[in-house]
């Protein structure tokens, strides 16, 4: 028999460290990162919204990707920053933990499918340029964005609801800095089989389907670009895809590995490093990648910043 089963109303978060000096240092580092995420993505959103040269489907999707990145980071970082200021045990209420997990799944699911939508947009633009305006109508773009949010919501609900029936022991310690599902399941007393099955299945199905859609788009894109005779034309076509390709790699590689890796290669440090990469560093790097790799975005940002001066 298990004692103190499901009697607590809160969990204990292990966090990154309990060393006071390191906590102060990490608080400063992650506060700067969070401000970069907010500022970088908000500037890109405002530049896209106000610049007439960026009123195309490609930048419409980038606007929503930037918004998703803000949501993703906000689901994790404010609580994480608050934890660095706490002396002693870090606790989080069960309801707050479930809410955080829900929004982490929602943001991650939306981001994955938004990247697929952006890959499809590049496919139409490069492979069917004459039909681009007709194919990527305003209404269809709204439908694609709505579909990405709907898939993210479905992915989140699918993984969150089964956890509500899991049994947790008293003084449950989550060996992580946030309420992500894998470390949460590791801390449960029992009844985790269904949640683990759904987590693995949904990560594989959602991740692989999104990746497959993106891969097919890029196969057609690469095939079409290689047929372009001029080197300048090939470079221009590839340059419109390079930033998206980098952003996609930052998220897919770490997130898919985190949620599908076998238990034998799992460790507290590895889990925290991977989570930091896709939930914190990726939202920070996306606006930097898009602003550095995209000439139109760089020009628009320059115009926008001049207006503010």
Foldseek 3Di string as FASTA:
>chain_A
DAPQKQVDQKEWEPADDQPLVVLVVVLVVQVVLLVLLVVLLVLLLVLCVPDPVNPDLLSVLSNVLSVLLNQLQVLARVLLSVQSVDHDIDMDGPVNQLVSQLSNQLSLQLNLQSLLVSLVLLLCCQVPVVCNCVVPDPVVSVVSSVVSNVRSNVRSCQLRVQVVPFMAHPRQYQLESGNHPPSVLVRTPDDCPVNLVSLQVCLCVSLVVSVVSSVVSVVSLVVRLVPDDDPVSSVVSVLSCPLSVVLNVQANPLVSCLRNPDPVPDDSVSNHVSCCRRSRVSSSCSSVSCCVSPPVSVVSSVVSVVVVD
